[in-house]
Amino acid sequence: MATAKRAKSSARRAPARKAVAKSRAKPARAAAAKRPAATAAKRAAAAAPVKQAKRPAQFFRVSHHAEEDFEINGLRRYAKYRDLGMAKATGGMVQSHVIRFIGPCNPQEVSKLHTHDVEFQMVYVLKGWMKTELEGQGVHVMRPGSAWLQPPNIKHKVLDYSDDCEVLEVILPADFETKELE
């Protein structure tokens, strides 16, 4: 008696497909043909590329580290700022600086709730650590390599920092207002 051998196959069985309900929506062309021409013109205008406001011309700028470039002339009296020259190089589009916090931290001076009226603000910790609180995000300790985005006008405050804390901050636009809330 001969027995049939089953052929081995490495192919896997495809899973069964579920039935898909057909849409009762009319094809786009048929629906568009029934719309007035004004609506079609609006759709065409919406699909057209959006022209952005012309940005100022930018030029090459390099800033090499020099200790004498750190100055107490920024937003915070408890920090020294090293301007990286990006505001001038971008026609006021971007401000970038290294902030060196002056230790020891005095929480009564630094822990003031405030906002910045900016389009973009990113902070990156270069050295040391910083403890900060952001509205709706809680308290975070940022260490070397930590980076965070502060959305426009988010309420925040510095709670503490190490004596050697340095951060890189990039802000758009270069000129902006800070509103103290406490």
C-alpha atoms as a PDB file:
ATOM      1  CA  MET A   1       0.000   0.000   0.000  1.00  0.00           C
ATOM      2  CA  ALA A   2       1.430   3.252  -1.082  1.00  0.00           C
ATOM      3  CA  THR A   3       1.264   6.199   1.229  1.00  0.00           C
ATOM      4  CA  ALA A   4       1.304   9.704  -0.063  1.00  0.00           C
ATOM      5  CA  LYS A   5       3.972  11.837   1.491  1.00  0.00           C
ATOM      6  CA  ARG A   6       3.135  15.387   2.309  1.00  0.00           C
ATOM      7  CA  ALA A   7       5.448  17.914   0.671  1.00  0.00           C
ATOM      8  CA  LYS A   8       7.212  20.153   3.139  1.00  0.00           C
ATOM      9  CA  SER A   9       6.862  23.827   2.474  1.00  0.00           C
ATOM     10  CA  SER A  10       8.557  26.775   4.159  1.00  0.00           C
ATOM     11  CA  ALA A  11       5.804  29.100   3.039  1.00  0.00           C
ATOM     12  CA  ARG A  12       3.481  30.201   5.784  1.00  0.00           C
ATOM     13  CA  ARG A  13      -0.189  30.323   5.404  1.00  0.00           C
ATOM     14  CA  ALA A  14      -1.543  33.825   4.842  1.00  0.00           C
ATOM     15  CA  PRO A  15      -3.989  34.941   7.515  1.00  0.00           C
ATOM     16  CA  ALA A  16      -7.597  35.075   6.459  1.00  0.00           C
ATOM     17  CA  ARG A  17      -8.719  38.518   5.378  1.00  0.00           C
ATOM     18  CA  LYS A  18     -11.654  40.173   6.994  1.00  0.00           C
ATOM     19  CA  ALA A  19     -14.430  41.459   4.821  1.00  0.00           C
ATOM     20  CA  VAL A  20     -14.222  45.185   4.259  1.00  0.00           C
ATOM     21  CA  ALA A  21     -17.404  47.194   4.005  1.00  0.00           C
ATOM     22  CA  LYS A  22     -17.582  49.238   0.851  1.00  0.00           C
ATOM     23  CA  SER A  23     -17.799  52.980   1.245  1.00  0.00           C
ATOM     24  CA  ARG A  24     -20.948  54.631   0.014  1.00  0.00           C
ATOM     25  CA  ALA A  25     -19.080  57.877  -0.591  1.00  0.00           C
ATOM     26  CA  LYS A  26     -19.213  59.133  -4.139  1.00  0.00           C
ATOM     27  CA  PRO A  27     -15.970  59.224  -6.057  1.00  0.00           C
ATOM     28  CA  ALA A  28     -14.164  62.550  -5.673  1.00  0.00           C
ATOM     29  CA  ARG A  29     -14.539  63.491  -9.330  1.00  0.00           C
ATOM     30  CA  ALA A  30     -18.293  62.979  -9.351  1.00  0.00           C
ATOM     31  CA  ALA A  31     -18.695  64.977  -6.144  1.00  0.00           C
ATOM     32  CA  ALA A  32     -16.429  67.766  -7.422  1.00  0.00           C
ATOM     33  CA  ALA A  33     -18.396  68.030 -10.662  1.00  0.00           C
ATOM     34  CA  LYS A  34     -21.547  68.862  -8.700  1.00  0.00           C
ATOM     35  CA  ARG A  35     -19.865  71.641  -6.661  1.00  0.00           C
ATOM     36  CA  PRO A  36     -19.963  75.238  -7.836  1.00  0.00           C
ATOM     37  CA  ALA A  37     -16.848  76.628  -9.529  1.00  0.00           C
ATOM     38  CA  ALA A  38     -16.132  78.950  -6.577  1.00  0.00           C
ATOM     39  CA  THR A  39     -15.621  75.962  -4.289  1.00  0.00           C
ATOM     40  CA  ALA A  40     -13.249  74.365  -6.804  1.00  0.00           C
ATOM     41  CA  ALA A  41     -11.288  77.631  -6.948  1.00  0.00           C
ATOM     42  CA  LYS A  42     -11.005  77.683  -3.150  1.00  0.00           C
ATOM     43  CA  ARG A  43      -9.696  74.113  -3.151  1.00  0.00           C
ATOM     44  CA  ALA A  44      -7.154  74.983  -5.848  1.00  0.00           C
ATOM     45  CA  ALA A  45      -5.991  78.009  -3.856  1.00  0.00           C
ATOM     46  CA  ALA A  46      -5.664  75.892  -0.702  1.00  0.00           C
ATOM     47  CA  ALA A  47      -3.582  73.322  -2.578  1.00  0.00           C
ATOM     48  CA  ALA A  48      -1.227  75.988  -3.946  1.00  0.00           C
ATOM     49  CA  PRO A  49       2.109  76.367  -2.132  1.00  0.00           C
ATOM     50  CA  VAL A  50       1.979  78.873   0.711  1.00  0.00           C
ATOM     51  CA  LYS A  51       4.341  81.795   0.336  1.00  0.00           C
ATOM     52  CA  GLN A  52       6.299  82.437   3.498  1.00  0.00           C
ATOM     53  CA  ALA A  53       7.350  85.869   4.619  1.00  0.00           C
ATOM     54  CA  LYS A  54      10.782  86.699   3.292  1.00  0.00           C
ATOM     55  CA  ARG A  55      13.399  86.030   5.935  1.00  0.00           C
ATOM     56  CA  PRO A  56      16.352  88.345   6.433  1.00  0.00           C
ATOM     57  CA  ALA A  57      19.607  87.507   4.694  1.00  0.00           C
ATOM     58  CA  GLN A  58      22.013  85.409   6.729  1.00  0.00           C
ATOM     59  CA  PHE A  59      25.794  85.416   6.688  1.00  0.00           C
ATOM     60  CA  PHE A  60      28.533  83.152   7.979  1.00  0.00           C
ATOM     61  CA  ARG A  61      29.435  83.651  11.627  1.00  0.00           C
ATOM     62  CA  VAL A  62      31.808  81.746  13.876  1.00  0.00           C
ATOM     63  CA  SER A  63      32.230  82.222  17.618  1.00  0.00           C
ATOM     64  CA  HIS A  64      35.224  80.665  19.371  1.00  0.00           C
ATOM     65  CA  HIS A  65      35.308  80.207  23.136  1.00  0.00           C
ATOM     66  CA  ALA A  66      36.943  83.001  25.121  1.00  0.00           C
ATOM     67  CA  GLU A  67      36.447  83.423  28.881  1.00  0.00           C
ATOM     68  CA  GLU A  68      36.272  87.205  28.554  1.00  0.00           C
ATOM     69  CA  ASP A  69      33.158  86.843  26.369  1.00  0.00           C
ATOM     70  CA  PHE A  70      31.009  85.803  29.376  1.00  0.00           C
ATOM     71  CA  GLU A  71      29.234  88.907  30.672  1.00  0.00           C
ATOM     72  CA  ILE A  72      26.547  89.690  33.218  1.00  0.00           C
ATOM     73  CA  ASN A  73      24.304  91.516  30.776  1.00  0.00           C
ATOM     74  CA  GLY A  74      21.427  89.154  30.139  1.00  0.00           C
ATOM     75  CA  LEU A  75      18.006  88.413  31.493  1.00  0.00           C
ATOM     76  CA  ARG A  76      19.260  86.876  34.750  1.00  0.00           C
ATOM     77  CA  ARG A  77      21.531  88.621  37.269  1.00  0.00           C
ATOM     78  CA  TYR A  78      22.639  85.215  38.555  1.00  0.00           C
ATOM     79  CA  ALA A  79      24.143  84.176  35.207  1.00  0.00           C
ATOM     80  CA  LYS A  80      26.844  85.188  32.737  1.00  0.00           C
ATOM     81  CA  TYR A  81      26.023  85.117  29.033  1.00  0.00           C
ATOM     82  CA  ARG A  82      28.266  84.445  26.051  1.00  0.00           C
ATOM     83  CA  ASP A  83      26.530  85.753  22.941  1.00  0.00           C
ATOM     84  CA  LEU A  84      27.299  83.534  19.938  1.00  0.00           C
ATOM     85  CA  GLY A  85      26.530  86.302  17.427  1.00  0.00           C
ATOM     86  CA  MET A  86      23.609  84.582  15.747  1.00  0.00           C
ATOM     87  CA  ALA A  87      21.202  87.526  16.109  1.00  0.00           C
ATOM     88  CA  LYS A  88      23.417  89.716  13.939  1.00  0.00           C
ATOM     89  CA  ALA A  89      24.195  86.877  11.517  1.00  0.00           C
ATOM     90  CA  THR A  90      20.490  86.105  11.000  1.00  0.00           C
ATOM     91  CA  GLY A  91      19.128  89.644  10.927  1.00  0.00           C
ATOM     92  CA  GLY A  92      17.352  89.145  14.271  1.00  0.00           C
ATOM     93  CA  MET A  93      15.767  85.803  13.401  1.00  0.00           C
ATOM     94  CA  VAL A  94      17.689  83.736  16.020  1.00  0.00           C
ATOM     95  CA  GLN A  95      19.403  84.390  19.325  1.00  0.00           C
ATOM     96  CA  SER A  96      21.888  81.862  20.648  1.00  0.00           C
ATOM     97  CA  HIS A  97      24.035  82.068  23.739  1.00  0.00           C
ATOM     98  CA  VAL A  98      25.797  79.994  26.365  1.00  0.00           C
ATOM     99  CA  ILE A  99      24.522  80.719  29.865  1.00  0.00           C
ATOM    100  CA  ARG A 100      26.884  80.079  32.781  1.00  0.00           C
ATOM    101  CA  PHE A 101      24.990  80.119  36.070  1.00  0.00           C
ATOM    102  CA  ILE A 102      26.736  81.748  39.027  1.00  0.00           C
ATOM    103  CA  GLY A 103      26.825  79.570  42.134  1.00  0.00           C
ATOM    104  CA  PRO A 104      25.726  78.998  44.718  1.00  0.00           C
ATOM    105  CA  CYS A 105      22.084  78.985  43.657  1.00  0.00           C
ATOM    106  CA  ASN A 106      19.777  81.242  45.668  1.00  0.00           C
ATOM    107  CA  PRO A 107      16.241  79.804  45.209  1.00  0.00           C
ATOM    108  CA  GLN A 108      14.612  83.046  46.436  1.00  0.00           C
ATOM    109  CA  GLU A 109      16.216  84.892  43.531  1.00  0.00           C
ATOM    110  CA  VAL A 110      15.993  82.277  40.761  1.00  0.00           C
ATOM    111  CA  SER A 111      12.653  80.568  41.441  1.00  0.00           C
ATOM    112  CA  LYS A 112      10.366  83.164  39.881  1.00  0.00           C
ATOM    113  CA  LEU A 113       7.573  81.953  37.612  1.00  0.00           C
ATOM    114  CA  HIS A 114       7.779  83.606  34.186  1.00  0.00           C
ATOM    115  CA  THR A 115       7.073  83.234  30.455  1.00  0.00           C
ATOM    116  CA  HIS A 116       8.922  84.183  27.272  1.00  0.00           C
ATOM    117  CA  ASP A 117       6.991  85.490  24.255  1.00  0.00           C
ATOM    118  CA  VAL A 118       8.951  83.477  21.674  1.00  0.00           C
ATOM    119  CA  GLU A 119       8.270  81.312  18.639  1.00  0.00           C
ATOM    120  CA  PHE A 120      10.881  78.706  19.625  1.00  0.00           C
ATOM    121  CA  GLN A 121      13.117  78.065  22.642  1.00  0.00           C
ATOM    122  CA  MET A 122      15.442  75.099  23.026  1.00  0.00           C
ATOM    123  CA  VAL A 123      17.859  74.525  25.905  1.00  0.00           C
ATOM    124  CA  TYR A 124      20.749  72.026  26.010  1.00  0.00           C
ATOM    125  CA  VAL A 125      22.812  71.331  29.162  1.00  0.00           C
ATOM    126  CA  LEU A 126      26.561  71.491  28.512  1.00  0.00           C
ATOM    127  CA  LYS A 127      27.841  71.097  32.101  1.00  0.00           C
ATOM    128  CA  GLY A 128      26.447  70.583  35.590  1.00  0.00           C
ATOM    129  CA  TRP A 129      22.728  70.210  36.225  1.00  0.00           C
ATOM    130  CA  MET A 130      19.597  72.313  36.476  1.00  0.00           C
ATOM    131  CA  LYS A 131      16.288  71.623  38.190  1.00  0.00           C
ATOM    132  CA  THR A 132      13.358  73.312  36.475  1.00  0.00           C
ATOM    133  CA  GLU A 133       9.578  73.238  36.610  1.00  0.00           C
ATOM    134  CA  LEU A 134       7.374  73.713  33.550  1.00  0.00           C
ATOM    135  CA  GLU A 135       3.617  74.205  33.584  1.00  0.00           C
ATOM    136  CA  GLY A 136       1.846  70.911  32.983  1.00  0.00           C
ATOM    137  CA  GLN A 137       5.154  69.012  32.766  1.00  0.00           C
ATOM    138  CA  GLY A 138       6.238  68.914  36.406  1.00  0.00           C
ATOM    139  CA  VAL A 139       9.757  69.137  37.835  1.00  0.00           C
ATOM    140  CA  HIS A 140      12.734  67.864  35.838  1.00  0.00           C
ATOM    141  CA  VAL A 141      16.439  67.626  36.634  1.00  0.00           C
ATOM    142  CA  MET A 142      18.396  68.279  33.452  1.00  0.00           C
ATOM    143  CA  ARG A 143      21.956  66.936  33.228  1.00  0.00           C
ATOM    144  CA  PRO A 144      24.739  67.161  30.603  1.00  0.00           C
ATOM    145  CA  GLY A 145      23.244  66.093  27.297  1.00  0.00           C
ATOM    146  CA  SER A 146      19.656  66.882  28.326  1.00  0.00           C
ATOM    147  CA  ALA A 147      17.765  68.999  25.800  1.00  0.00           C
ATOM    148  CA  TRP A 148      14.256  70.378  26.000  1.00  0.00           C
ATOM    149  CA  LEU A 149      11.874  72.512  24.035  1.00  0.00           C
ATOM    150  CA  GLN A 150       9.942  75.164  25.921  1.00  0.00           C
ATOM    151  CA  PRO A 151       6.763  75.928  23.945  1.00  0.00           C
ATOM    152  CA  PRO A 152       5.890  79.609  23.461  1.00  0.00           C
ATOM    153  CA  ASN A 153       4.686  81.337  26.647  1.00  0.00           C
ATOM    154  CA  ILE A 154       4.888  78.214  28.839  1.00  0.00           C
ATOM    155  CA  LYS A 155       5.012  79.143  32.521  1.00  0.00           C
ATOM    156  CA  HIS A 156       8.272  77.915  34.039  1.00  0.00           C
ATOM    157  CA  LYS A 157      10.918  78.564  36.668  1.00  0.00           C
ATOM    158  CA  VAL A 158      14.398  77.451  37.646  1.00  0.00           C
ATOM    159  CA  LEU A 159      14.325  75.729  41.032  1.00  0.00           C
ATOM    160  CA  ASP A 160      18.023  74.946  41.537  1.00  0.00           C
ATOM    161  CA  TYR A 161      21.297  74.471  39.666  1.00  0.00           C
ATOM    162  CA  SER A 162      24.838  73.251  40.270  1.00  0.00           C
ATOM    163  CA  ASP A 163      27.699  75.708  40.735  1.00  0.00           C
ATOM    164  CA  ASP A 164      29.155  74.653  37.360  1.00  0.00           C
ATOM    165  CA  CYS A 165      25.907  74.681  35.332  1.00  0.00           C
ATOM    166  CA  GLU A 166      26.198  75.835  31.703  1.00  0.00           C
ATOM    167  CA  VAL A 167      23.488  75.625  29.055  1.00  0.00           C
ATOM    168  CA  LEU A 168      23.178  76.478  25.381  1.00  0.00           C
ATOM    169  CA  GLU A 169      19.969  78.327  24.568  1.00  0.00           C
ATOM    170  CA  VAL A 170      18.534  78.932  21.075  1.00  0.00           C
ATOM    171  CA  ILE A 171      15.548  81.292  20.731  1.00  0.00           C
ATOM    172  CA  LEU A 172      13.440  82.667  17.887  1.00  0.00           C
ATOM    173  CA  PRO A 173      13.128  85.582  17.408  1.00  0.00           C
ATOM    174  CA  ALA A 174      16.250  87.223  18.783  1.00  0.00           C
ATOM    175  CA  ASP A 175      14.257  89.997  20.474  1.00  0.00           C
ATOM    176  CA  PHE A 176      11.478  88.820  22.766  1.00  0.00           C
ATOM    177  CA  GLU A 177       9.652  89.815  25.940  1.00  0.00           C
ATOM    178  CA  THR A 178       9.824  88.048  29.284  1.00  0.00           C
ATOM    179  CA  LYS A 179       6.886  88.399  31.634  1.00  0.00           C
ATOM    180  CA  GLU A 180       7.467  87.741  35.339  1.00  0.00           C
ATOM    181  CA  LEU A 181       4.405  86.238  37.015  1.00  0.00           C
ATOM    182  CA  GLU A 182       5.602  86.287  40.645  1.00  0.00           C
END
